[in-house]
């Protein structure tokens, strides 16, 4: 009797596992194909080009004033030379601040745009996971899961693509 009870107890987890459903998807095949991603990349490139153009103008002005000061430096009265050096230093500091501000703005815009895309994909994953009755849905592109047996797991990448509007 104990052997039968032990056999039943050992078989219970196996039968429970047979009822569990797992799925996986590859995020790296979804996001780059989304129209939102393409739009976001284009907008970020436009922003970056504008920031680069603004910084180039500041850099050119900085270089021009630096060259002028070098040429006239020995001919100028001490207080005028000191004032121009201070102006040059102030311009350089504004250039550095503009560079930092533009980098922060690009990072913030990128985070916001990619966050919206990620939310859309995760909503599709949740919807399909619930509809399919899956216990776990794993993103195989992150590398955080050491092993996924794709023969025992259902790949729902194509369904997620369809759900987010990729043909």
Protein backbone atom coordinates (compact mmCIF):
# COMPACT_ATOMS: atom_id res chain seq x y z
CA UNK A 1 0.00 0.00 0.00
CA UNK A 2 2.86 2.38 0.84
CA UNK A 3 4.45 1.68 -2.55
CA UNK A 4 1.23 2.50 -4.36
CA UNK A 5 0.81 5.72 -2.40
CA UNK A 6 4.44 6.64 -3.09
CA UNK A 7 4.00 5.94 -6.80
CA UNK A 8 0.91 8.14 -6.91
CA UNK A 9 2.72 10.96 -5.12
CA UNK A 10 5.63 10.74 -7.54
CA UNK A 11 3.34 10.71 -10.57
CA UNK A 12 1.32 13.74 -9.41
CA UNK A 13 3.97 16.32 -10.31
CA UNK A 14 4.48 14.68 -13.72
CA UNK A 15 0.77 14.81 -14.50
CA UNK A 16 0.60 18.41 -13.26
CA UNK A 17 3.53 19.35 -15.52
CA UNK A 18 1.73 17.84 -18.50
CA UNK A 19 -1.07 20.37 -17.96
CA UNK A 20 1.27 23.36 -17.75
CA UNK A 21 1.76 25.35 -20.92
CA UNK A 22 4.87 27.36 -21.68
CA UNK A 23 5.54 29.75 -24.56
CA UNK A 24 8.46 31.76 -25.82
CA UNK A 25 9.08 34.62 -28.21
CA UNK A 26 12.01 36.53 -29.63
CA UNK A 27 11.74 40.26 -28.90
CA UNK A 28 14.64 41.01 -31.25
CA UNK A 29 12.50 39.79 -34.16
CA UNK A 30 9.55 41.96 -33.16
CA UNK A 31 10.70 45.44 -32.13
CA UNK A 32 12.89 46.31 -35.16
CA UNK A 33 9.99 45.42 -37.46
CA UNK A 34 7.45 47.65 -35.73
CA UNK A 35 6.48 50.87 -37.51
CA UNK A 36 6.66 52.65 -34.14
CA UNK A 37 10.32 51.66 -33.83
CA UNK A 38 11.16 52.93 -37.30
CA UNK A 39 9.38 56.21 -36.58
CA UNK A 40 11.14 56.57 -33.22
CA UNK A 41 14.56 55.91 -34.78
CA UNK A 42 13.89 58.51 -37.46
CA UNK A 43 12.77 61.10 -34.91
CA UNK A 44 15.81 60.43 -32.72
CA UNK A 45 18.15 60.78 -35.71
CA UNK A 46 16.53 64.11 -36.61
CA UNK A 47 16.95 65.34 -33.04
CA UNK A 48 20.57 64.23 -32.97
CA UNK A 49 21.36 65.97 -36.26
CA UNK A 50 19.81 69.21 -34.98
CA UNK A 51 21.82 69.04 -31.77
CA UNK A 52 24.99 68.31 -33.73
CA UNK A 53 24.36 71.28 -36.04
CA UNK A 54 23.81 73.60 -33.06
CA UNK A 55 26.98 72.34 -31.38
CA UNK A 56 28.93 72.74 -34.61
CA UNK A 57 27.91 76.40 -34.78
CA UNK A 58 29.03 76.93 -31.20
CA UNK A 59 32.28 75.07 -31.85
CA UNK A 60 32.99 77.19 -34.94
CA UNK A 61 32.35 80.39 -32.98
CA UNK A 62 34.58 79.15 -30.17
CA UNK A 63 37.37 78.33 -32.60
CA UNK A 64 37.05 81.67 -34.42
CA UNK A 65 37.19 83.71 -31.20
CA UNK A 66 40.09 81.61 -29.94
CA UNK A 67 42.07 82.26 -33.11
CA UNK A 68 41.29 85.98 -32.95
CA UNK A 69 42.46 86.15 -29.35
CA UNK A 70 45.67 84.30 -30.25
CA UNK A 71 46.42 86.73 -33.09
CA UNK A 72 45.64 89.89 -31.14
CA UNK A 73 46.52 88.66 -27.66
CA UNK A 74 49.93 90.28 -27.35
CA UNK A 75 48.68 93.58 -28.84
CA UNK A 76 45.73 93.98 -26.47
CA UNK A 77 45.68 95.89 -23.22
CA UNK A 78 45.76 93.52 -20.23
CA UNK A 79 42.19 94.15 -19.04
CA UNK A 80 40.72 93.76 -22.57
CA UNK A 81 42.71 90.56 -23.12
CA UNK A 82 41.49 89.22 -19.75
CA UNK A 83 37.89 90.09 -20.63
CA UNK A 84 38.14 88.30 -24.00
CA UNK A 85 39.71 85.27 -22.34
CA UNK A 86 36.79 85.23 -19.89
CA UNK A 87 34.31 85.52 -22.79
CA UNK A 88 36.06 82.62 -24.49
CA UNK A 89 35.95 80.58 -21.29
CA UNK A 90 32.21 81.38 -20.84
CA UNK A 91 31.52 80.33 -24.43
CA UNK A 92 33.39 77.08 -23.87
CA UNK A 93 31.37 76.37 -20.72
CA UNK A 94 28.11 77.06 -22.62
CA UNK A 95 29.29 74.66 -25.32
CA UNK A 96 29.97 71.94 -22.75
CA UNK A 97 26.61 72.54 -21.06
CA UNK A 98 24.82 72.41 -24.42
CA UNK A 99 26.54 69.15 -25.22
CA UNK A 100 25.47 67.63 -21.90
CA UNK A 101 21.92 68.95 -22.25
CA UNK A 102 21.59 67.53 -25.77
CA UNK A 103 22.87 64.12 -24.65
CA UNK A 104 20.40 64.07 -21.77
CA UNK A 105 17.53 65.13 -24.02
CA UNK A 106 18.38 62.40 -26.55
CA UNK A 107 18.58 59.79 -23.79
CA UNK A 108 15.26 60.89 -22.32
CA UNK A 109 13.53 60.88 -25.71
CA UNK A 110 14.95 57.45 -26.50
CA UNK A 111 13.81 56.06 -23.16
CA UNK A 112 10.30 57.45 -23.63
CA UNK A 113 9.93 56.21 -27.19
CA UNK A 114 11.32 52.74 -26.48
CA UNK A 115 9.25 52.52 -23.30
CA UNK A 116 6.05 53.05 -25.29
CA UNK A 117 7.11 50.37 -27.78
CA UNK A 118 7.99 47.92 -25.02
CA UNK A 119 4.65 48.54 -23.30
CA UNK A 120 2.81 47.73 -26.53
CA UNK A 121 4.71 44.47 -26.98
CA UNK A 122 4.27 43.46 -23.33
CA UNK A 123 0.54 44.14 -23.57
CA UNK A 124 0.39 41.80 -26.57
CA UNK A 125 2.42 39.17 -24.69
CA UNK A 126 0.08 39.41 -21.71
CA UNK A 127 -3.03 39.21 -23.90
CA UNK A 128 -1.76 36.20 -25.83
CA UNK A 129 -0.40 34.54 -22.69
CA UNK A 130 -3.75 34.81 -20.96
CA UNK A 131 -5.71 33.75 -24.06
CA UNK A 132 -3.42 30.77 -24.65
CA UNK A 133 -3.46 29.66 -21.02
CA UNK A 134 0.34 29.73 -20.77
CA UNK A 135 2.00 29.46 -17.38
CA UNK A 136 5.14 31.26 -18.56
CA UNK A 137 5.98 33.24 -21.66
CA UNK A 138 9.71 33.76 -22.03
CA UNK A 139 11.66 36.21 -24.20
CA UNK A 140 14.46 34.07 -25.61
CA UNK A 141 16.39 37.08 -26.96
CA UNK A 142 17.41 38.44 -23.57
CA UNK A 143 19.82 35.64 -22.75
CA UNK A 144 18.67 35.53 -19.13
CA UNK A 145 17.14 32.07 -19.51
CA UNK A 146 19.91 29.50 -19.82
CA UNK A 147 17.79 26.97 -21.71
CA UNK A 148 14.43 26.89 -23.42
CA UNK A 149 13.30 23.66 -24.98
CA UNK A 150 11.59 25.10 -28.03
CA UNK A 151 10.09 21.72 -28.94
CA UNK A 152 8.10 21.70 -25.69
CA UNK A 153 7.33 25.42 -25.80
CA UNK A 154 5.15 27.30 -28.24
CA UNK A 155 6.80 30.15 -30.17
CA UNK A 156 4.31 33.01 -30.27
CA UNK A 157 6.62 35.56 -31.94
CA UNK A 158 4.50 35.57 -35.13
CA UNK A 159 1.30 36.09 -33.14
CA UNK A 160 2.84 39.01 -31.22
CA UNK A 161 4.01 40.55 -34.51
CA UNK A 162 0.44 40.32 -35.78
CA UNK A 163 -0.93 41.75 -32.52
CA UNK A 164 1.36 44.81 -32.71
CA UNK A 165 0.55 45.39 -36.37
CA UNK A 166 3.50 43.82 -38.20
CA UNK A 167 2.47 42.02 -41.37
